[in-house]
């Protein structure tokens, strides 16, 4: 995919810990395609140990793949826009919490600051949703952001409609296509898929 070769991608990870392995798979694909990755983690993603692995393991894996330190403070995320560090920003596993903050322009985490700073240059932001209440409380924030300039979405699907009927997740395998479309100023379609 030539459109992504050499592109500087802000790769932001939030606290949807069950999706971390899919985030790392997507990250590997982006590096194979020749992207330069700037890793960013929310406070929770950076510091929380869970049944899906320790924070130290996740940080080490991210830094090993990207060959650079993770941005994990608001102060370190703020220069992303002014220093023109990224061509496109991907929130690789955008939680309901982060969706709400982005929809309300709240910048109190490294990820929300990275997005805000990146947007000051009118550059594209791609959200890959991962939230259990997407068809409940988070729905209004998803649809608000769909109407905001420079926001794009990885195609969304119900990940377990029987056991989690309100849950949606982005299709991690479509991340490269979603990034290429966003760089061209277009939303990748269809935006809603079947699980």
C-alpha atoms as a PDB file:
ATOM      1  CA  UNK A   1       0.000   0.000   0.000  1.00  0.00           C
ATOM      2  CA  UNK A   2       2.078   2.891  -1.343  1.00  0.00           C
ATOM      3  CA  UNK A   3      -0.167   5.561   0.213  1.00  0.00           C
ATOM      4  CA  UNK A   4       1.139   4.684   3.673  1.00  0.00           C
ATOM      5  CA  UNK A   5       4.838   4.280   2.937  1.00  0.00           C
ATOM      6  CA  UNK A   6       6.833   6.852   4.889  1.00  0.00           C
ATOM      7  CA  UNK A   7       3.770   8.295   6.627  1.00  0.00           C
ATOM      8  CA  UNK A   8       4.225   9.336  10.236  1.00  0.00           C
ATOM      9  CA  UNK A   9       1.424   7.655  12.170  1.00  0.00           C
ATOM     10  CA  UNK A  10       0.548   8.587  15.731  1.00  0.00           C
ATOM     11  CA  UNK A  11      -0.442   5.208  17.192  1.00  0.00           C
ATOM     12  CA  UNK A  12      -2.444   5.845  20.372  1.00  0.00           C
ATOM     13  CA  UNK A  13      -3.510   3.062  22.719  1.00  0.00           C
ATOM     14  CA  UNK A  14      -6.222   3.388  25.363  1.00  0.00           C
ATOM     15  CA  UNK A  15      -7.319   1.062  28.161  1.00  0.00           C
ATOM     16  CA  UNK A  16      -9.261  -1.526  26.178  1.00  0.00           C
ATOM     17  CA  UNK A  17      -6.818  -4.161  27.375  1.00  0.00           C
ATOM     18  CA  UNK A  18      -8.576  -7.125  25.747  1.00  0.00           C
ATOM     19  CA  UNK A  19      -7.784  -5.605  22.333  1.00  0.00           C
ATOM     20  CA  UNK A  20      -4.055  -5.066  22.910  1.00  0.00           C
ATOM     21  CA  UNK A  21      -2.988  -8.169  20.985  1.00  0.00           C
ATOM     22  CA  UNK A  22      -4.992  -6.971  17.959  1.00  0.00           C
ATOM     23  CA  UNK A  23      -3.444  -3.512  18.341  1.00  0.00           C
ATOM     24  CA  UNK A  24       0.024  -5.039  18.186  1.00  0.00           C
ATOM     25  CA  UNK A  25      -0.945  -7.089  15.121  1.00  0.00           C
ATOM     26  CA  UNK A  26      -2.156  -3.909  13.387  1.00  0.00           C
ATOM     27  CA  UNK A  27       0.998  -2.086  14.445  1.00  0.00           C
ATOM     28  CA  UNK A  28       3.135  -4.822  12.912  1.00  0.00           C
ATOM     29  CA  UNK A  29       1.237  -4.506   9.642  1.00  0.00           C
ATOM     30  CA  UNK A  30       1.716  -0.726   9.563  1.00  0.00           C
ATOM     31  CA  UNK A  31       5.458  -1.073  10.097  1.00  0.00           C
ATOM     32  CA  UNK A  32       5.595  -3.673   7.298  1.00  0.00           C
ATOM     33  CA  UNK A  33       3.910  -1.117   5.045  1.00  0.00           C
ATOM     34  CA  UNK A  34       6.687   1.377   5.794  1.00  0.00           C
ATOM     35  CA  UNK A  35       4.954   3.669   8.283  1.00  0.00           C
ATOM     36  CA  UNK A  36       6.969   5.549  10.866  1.00  0.00           C
ATOM     37  CA  UNK A  37       5.130   5.037  14.159  1.00  0.00           C
ATOM     38  CA  UNK A  38       4.953   7.516  17.035  1.00  0.00           C
ATOM     39  CA  UNK A  39       3.600   5.483  19.990  1.00  0.00           C
ATOM     40  CA  UNK A  40       1.265   7.093  22.520  1.00  0.00           C
ATOM     41  CA  UNK A  41      -0.448   5.516  25.525  1.00  0.00           C
ATOM     42  CA  UNK A  42      -3.143   6.765  27.862  1.00  0.00           C
ATOM     43  CA  UNK A  43      -2.340   6.876  31.563  1.00  0.00           C
ATOM     44  CA  UNK A  44      -4.241   3.606  32.117  1.00  0.00           C
ATOM     45  CA  UNK A  45      -2.771   1.807  29.115  1.00  0.00           C
ATOM     46  CA  UNK A  46       0.728   2.828  30.213  1.00  0.00           C
ATOM     47  CA  UNK A  47       0.482   1.888  33.879  1.00  0.00           C
ATOM     48  CA  UNK A  48      -2.182  -0.781  34.510  1.00  0.00           C
ATOM     49  CA  UNK A  49      -1.440  -4.481  34.933  1.00  0.00           C
ATOM     50  CA  UNK A  50      -4.346  -6.714  33.898  1.00  0.00           C
ATOM     51  CA  UNK A  51      -5.105 -10.360  33.139  1.00  0.00           C
ATOM     52  CA  UNK A  52      -4.095  -9.506  29.552  1.00  0.00           C
ATOM     53  CA  UNK A  53      -0.516  -8.732  30.581  1.00  0.00           C
ATOM     54  CA  UNK A  54       1.587  -6.345  32.611  1.00  0.00           C
ATOM     55  CA  UNK A  55       1.961  -2.684  31.762  1.00  0.00           C
ATOM     56  CA  UNK A  56       5.732  -3.131  31.542  1.00  0.00           C
ATOM     57  CA  UNK A  57       5.334  -5.939  28.987  1.00  0.00           C
ATOM     58  CA  UNK A  58       2.999  -3.859  26.829  1.00  0.00           C
ATOM     59  CA  UNK A  59       5.252  -0.795  26.971  1.00  0.00           C
ATOM     60  CA  UNK A  60       8.315  -2.858  26.084  1.00  0.00           C
ATOM     61  CA  UNK A  61       6.547  -4.523  23.157  1.00  0.00           C
ATOM     62  CA  UNK A  62       5.319  -1.190  21.803  1.00  0.00           C
ATOM     63  CA  UNK A  63       8.737   0.418  22.102  1.00  0.00           C
ATOM     64  CA  UNK A  64      10.471  -2.591  20.544  1.00  0.00           C
ATOM     65  CA  UNK A  65       8.220  -2.464  17.479  1.00  0.00           C
ATOM     66  CA  UNK A  66       8.375   1.329  17.107  1.00  0.00           C
ATOM     67  CA  UNK A  67      12.035   1.714  18.112  1.00  0.00           C
ATOM     68  CA  UNK A  68      11.222   4.789  20.168  1.00  0.00           C
ATOM     69  CA  UNK A  69       9.912   5.678  23.616  1.00  0.00           C
ATOM     70  CA  UNK A  70       6.191   5.819  24.265  1.00  0.00           C
ATOM     71  CA  UNK A  71       4.654   9.250  24.743  1.00  0.00           C
ATOM     72  CA  UNK A  72       2.759   8.850  28.023  1.00  0.00           C
ATOM     73  CA  UNK A  73       2.340  12.318  29.523  1.00  0.00           C
ATOM     74  CA  UNK A  74       0.218  15.286  28.529  1.00  0.00           C
ATOM     75  CA  UNK A  75       3.320  17.481  28.409  1.00  0.00           C
ATOM     76  CA  UNK A  76       5.057  15.147  25.963  1.00  0.00           C
ATOM     77  CA  UNK A  77       1.937  14.838  23.764  1.00  0.00           C
ATOM     78  CA  UNK A  78       1.376  18.592  23.460  1.00  0.00           C
ATOM     79  CA  UNK A  79       4.207  19.279  20.938  1.00  0.00           C
ATOM     80  CA  UNK A  80       2.870  16.737  18.403  1.00  0.00           C
ATOM     81  CA  UNK A  81       0.983  19.392  16.447  1.00  0.00           C
ATOM     82  CA  UNK A  82       3.334  22.375  16.820  1.00  0.00           C
ATOM     83  CA  UNK A  83       6.327  20.230  15.828  1.00  0.00           C
ATOM     84  CA  UNK A  84       4.415  18.619  12.927  1.00  0.00           C
ATOM     85  CA  UNK A  85       5.312  15.142  14.207  1.00  0.00           C
ATOM     86  CA  UNK A  86       2.448  13.178  12.592  1.00  0.00           C
ATOM     87  CA  UNK A  87       0.730  12.966   9.216  1.00  0.00           C
ATOM     88  CA  UNK A  88      -2.201  11.011  10.637  1.00  0.00           C
ATOM     89  CA  UNK A  89      -3.342   9.994  14.114  1.00  0.00           C
ATOM     90  CA  UNK A  90      -4.828   6.569  14.883  1.00  0.00           C
ATOM     91  CA  UNK A  91      -6.526   5.854  18.191  1.00  0.00           C
ATOM     92  CA  UNK A  92      -5.989   2.126  17.833  1.00  0.00           C
ATOM     93  CA  UNK A  93      -8.467   1.038  20.463  1.00  0.00           C
ATOM     94  CA  UNK A  94     -10.682   4.016  21.207  1.00  0.00           C
ATOM     95  CA  UNK A  95     -12.621   3.383  24.411  1.00  0.00           C
ATOM     96  CA  UNK A  96     -15.990   4.866  25.342  1.00  0.00           C
ATOM     97  CA  UNK A  97     -14.196   7.088  27.839  1.00  0.00           C
ATOM     98  CA  UNK A  98     -11.901   8.516  25.165  1.00  0.00           C
ATOM     99  CA  UNK A  99     -14.816   8.904  22.709  1.00  0.00           C
ATOM    100  CA  UNK A 100     -16.675  11.007  25.287  1.00  0.00           C
ATOM    101  CA  UNK A 101     -13.650  13.181  25.951  1.00  0.00           C
ATOM    102  CA  UNK A 102     -12.952  13.751  22.250  1.00  0.00           C
ATOM    103  CA  UNK A 103     -16.597  14.612  21.579  1.00  0.00           C
ATOM    104  CA  UNK A 104     -16.504  17.155  24.408  1.00  0.00           C
ATOM    105  CA  UNK A 105     -12.992  18.482  23.563  1.00  0.00           C
ATOM    106  CA  UNK A 106     -11.601  17.361  26.923  1.00  0.00           C
ATOM    107  CA  UNK A 107      -7.819  16.989  26.908  1.00  0.00           C
ATOM    108  CA  UNK A 108      -6.850  15.391  30.201  1.00  0.00           C
ATOM    109  CA  UNK A 109      -4.934  12.328  28.985  1.00  0.00           C
ATOM    110  CA  UNK A 110      -1.898  11.869  26.725  1.00  0.00           C
ATOM    111  CA  UNK A 111      -4.156  10.397  24.009  1.00  0.00           C
ATOM    112  CA  UNK A 112      -6.710  13.218  24.016  1.00  0.00           C
ATOM    113  CA  UNK A 113      -3.902  15.795  24.067  1.00  0.00           C
ATOM    114  CA  UNK A 114      -2.166  14.019  21.171  1.00  0.00           C
ATOM    115  CA  UNK A 115      -5.392  14.124  19.134  1.00  0.00           C
ATOM    116  CA  UNK A 116      -6.060  17.775  19.977  1.00  0.00           C
ATOM    117  CA  UNK A 117      -2.501  18.787  19.168  1.00  0.00           C
ATOM    118  CA  UNK A 118      -2.528  16.842  15.883  1.00  0.00           C
ATOM    119  CA  UNK A 119      -5.890  18.360  14.856  1.00  0.00           C
ATOM    120  CA  UNK A 120      -4.564  21.912  15.088  1.00  0.00           C
ATOM    121  CA  UNK A 121      -2.951  21.268  11.701  1.00  0.00           C
ATOM    122  CA  UNK A 122      -6.261  20.027  10.185  1.00  0.00           C
ATOM    123  CA  UNK A 123      -4.819  16.546   9.774  1.00  0.00           C
ATOM    124  CA  UNK A 124      -6.898  13.350   9.857  1.00  0.00           C
ATOM    125  CA  UNK A 125      -7.680  11.359  12.984  1.00  0.00           C
ATOM    126  CA  UNK A 126      -8.845   7.743  12.637  1.00  0.00           C
ATOM    127  CA  UNK A 127     -10.753   6.143  15.493  1.00  0.00           C
ATOM    128  CA  UNK A 128     -10.864   2.378  15.919  1.00  0.00           C
ATOM    129  CA  UNK A 129     -13.680   1.870  18.409  1.00  0.00           C
ATOM    130  CA  UNK A 130     -13.463  -0.695  21.207  1.00  0.00           C
ATOM    131  CA  UNK A 131     -16.258  -0.220  23.720  1.00  0.00           C
ATOM    132  CA  UNK A 132     -18.936  -2.368  25.329  1.00  0.00           C
ATOM    133  CA  UNK A 133     -21.491   0.458  25.414  1.00  0.00           C
ATOM    134  CA  UNK A 134     -21.193   1.724  21.835  1.00  0.00           C
ATOM    135  CA  UNK A 135     -24.883   1.072  21.159  1.00  0.00           C
ATOM    136  CA  UNK A 136     -25.864   2.536  24.517  1.00  0.00           C
ATOM    137  CA  UNK A 137     -24.250   5.455  26.343  1.00  0.00           C
ATOM    138  CA  UNK A 138     -21.367   5.938  23.899  1.00  0.00           C
ATOM    139  CA  UNK A 139     -23.571   6.061  20.790  1.00  0.00           C
ATOM    140  CA  UNK A 140     -24.157   9.815  20.955  1.00  0.00           C
ATOM    141  CA  UNK A 141     -20.404  10.445  21.085  1.00  0.00           C
ATOM    142  CA  UNK A 142     -19.676   8.150  18.141  1.00  0.00           C
ATOM    143  CA  UNK A 143     -22.274   9.856  15.964  1.00  0.00           C
ATOM    144  CA  UNK A 144     -21.194  13.328  17.091  1.00  0.00           C
ATOM    145  CA  UNK A 145     -17.611  12.592  16.082  1.00  0.00           C
ATOM    146  CA  UNK A 146     -18.757  11.227  12.730  1.00  0.00           C
ATOM    147  CA  UNK A 147     -19.966  14.748  11.989  1.00  0.00           C
ATOM    148  CA  UNK A 148     -16.738  16.473  13.055  1.00  0.00           C
ATOM    149  CA  UNK A 149     -14.237  17.573  10.456  1.00  0.00           C
ATOM    150  CA  UNK A 150     -11.061  15.458  10.168  1.00  0.00           C
ATOM    151  CA  UNK A 151     -12.454  12.482  12.130  1.00  0.00           C
ATOM    152  CA  UNK A 152     -12.682   9.108  10.390  1.00  0.00           C
ATOM    153  CA  UNK A 153     -13.561   5.621  11.613  1.00  0.00           C
ATOM    154  CA  UNK A 154     -12.244   2.144  11.037  1.00  0.00           C
ATOM    155  CA  UNK A 155     -15.275   0.082   9.904  1.00  0.00           C
ATOM    156  CA  UNK A 156     -17.277  -0.998  12.953  1.00  0.00           C
ATOM    157  CA  UNK A 157     -18.962  -4.285  13.813  1.00  0.00           C
ATOM    158  CA  UNK A 158     -20.693  -5.985  16.720  1.00  0.00           C
ATOM    159  CA  UNK A 159     -18.009  -8.215  18.190  1.00  0.00           C
ATOM    160  CA  UNK A 160     -20.247 -10.502  20.292  1.00  0.00           C
ATOM    161  CA  UNK A 161     -23.902  -9.629  19.716  1.00  0.00           C
ATOM    162  CA  UNK A 162     -25.266 -12.529  21.792  1.00  0.00           C
ATOM    163  CA  UNK A 163     -23.304 -11.884  24.983  1.00  0.00           C
ATOM    164  CA  UNK A 164     -22.536  -8.166  24.556  1.00  0.00           C
ATOM    165  CA  UNK A 165     -25.381  -6.718  22.455  1.00  0.00           C
ATOM    166  CA  UNK A 166     -24.280  -3.097  22.946  1.00  0.00           C
ATOM    167  CA  UNK A 167     -20.599  -3.678  22.153  1.00  0.00           C
ATOM    168  CA  UNK A 168     -18.850  -2.530  18.978  1.00  0.00           C
ATOM    169  CA  UNK A 169     -15.277  -2.836  17.840  1.00  0.00           C
ATOM    170  CA  UNK A 170     -13.434  -1.628  14.808  1.00  0.00           C
ATOM    171  CA  UNK A 171     -12.181  -4.205  12.322  1.00  0.00           C
ATOM    172  CA  UNK A 172      -8.469  -4.184  13.152  1.00  0.00           C
ATOM    173  CA  UNK A 173      -7.622  -5.793   9.802  1.00  0.00           C
ATOM    174  CA  UNK A 174      -9.055  -2.746   7.994  1.00  0.00           C
ATOM    175  CA  UNK A 175      -6.837  -0.200   9.778  1.00  0.00           C
ATOM    176  CA  UNK A 176      -4.417   0.273   6.843  1.00  0.00           C
ATOM    177  CA  UNK A 177      -7.306   0.812   4.424  1.00  0.00           C
ATOM    178  CA  UNK A 178      -8.986   3.238   6.834  1.00  0.00           C
ATOM    179  CA  UNK A 179      -5.765   5.241   7.181  1.00  0.00           C
ATOM    180  CA  UNK A 180      -5.239   5.403   3.421  1.00  0.00           C
ATOM    181  CA  UNK A 181      -8.832   6.571   2.896  1.00  0.00           C
ATOM    182  CA  UNK A 182      -8.554   9.201   5.615  1.00  0.00           C
ATOM    183  CA  UNK A 183      -5.344  10.549   4.092  1.00  0.00           C
ATOM    184  CA  UNK A 184      -7.357  10.988   0.883  1.00  0.00           C
ATOM    185  CA  UNK A 185     -10.102  12.793   2.831  1.00  0.00           C
ATOM    186  CA  UNK A 186     -12.625   9.954   2.585  1.00  0.00           C
ATOM    187  CA  UNK A 187     -14.392   7.704   5.071  1.00  0.00           C
ATOM    188  CA  UNK A 188     -13.775   4.033   4.299  1.00  0.00           C
ATOM    189  CA  UNK A 189     -17.059   2.295   3.466  1.00  0.00           C
ATOM    190  CA  UNK A 190     -19.083   0.448   4.489  1.00  0.00           C
ATOM    191  CA  UNK A 191     -18.648   1.906   7.947  1.00  0.00           C
ATOM    192  CA  UNK A 192     -20.966  -0.679   9.564  1.00  0.00           C
ATOM    193  CA  UNK A 193     -20.337  -4.377   9.084  1.00  0.00           C
ATOM    194  CA  UNK A 194     -21.622  -7.700  10.317  1.00  0.00           C
ATOM    195  CA  UNK A 195     -19.858  -9.837  12.894  1.00  0.00           C
END
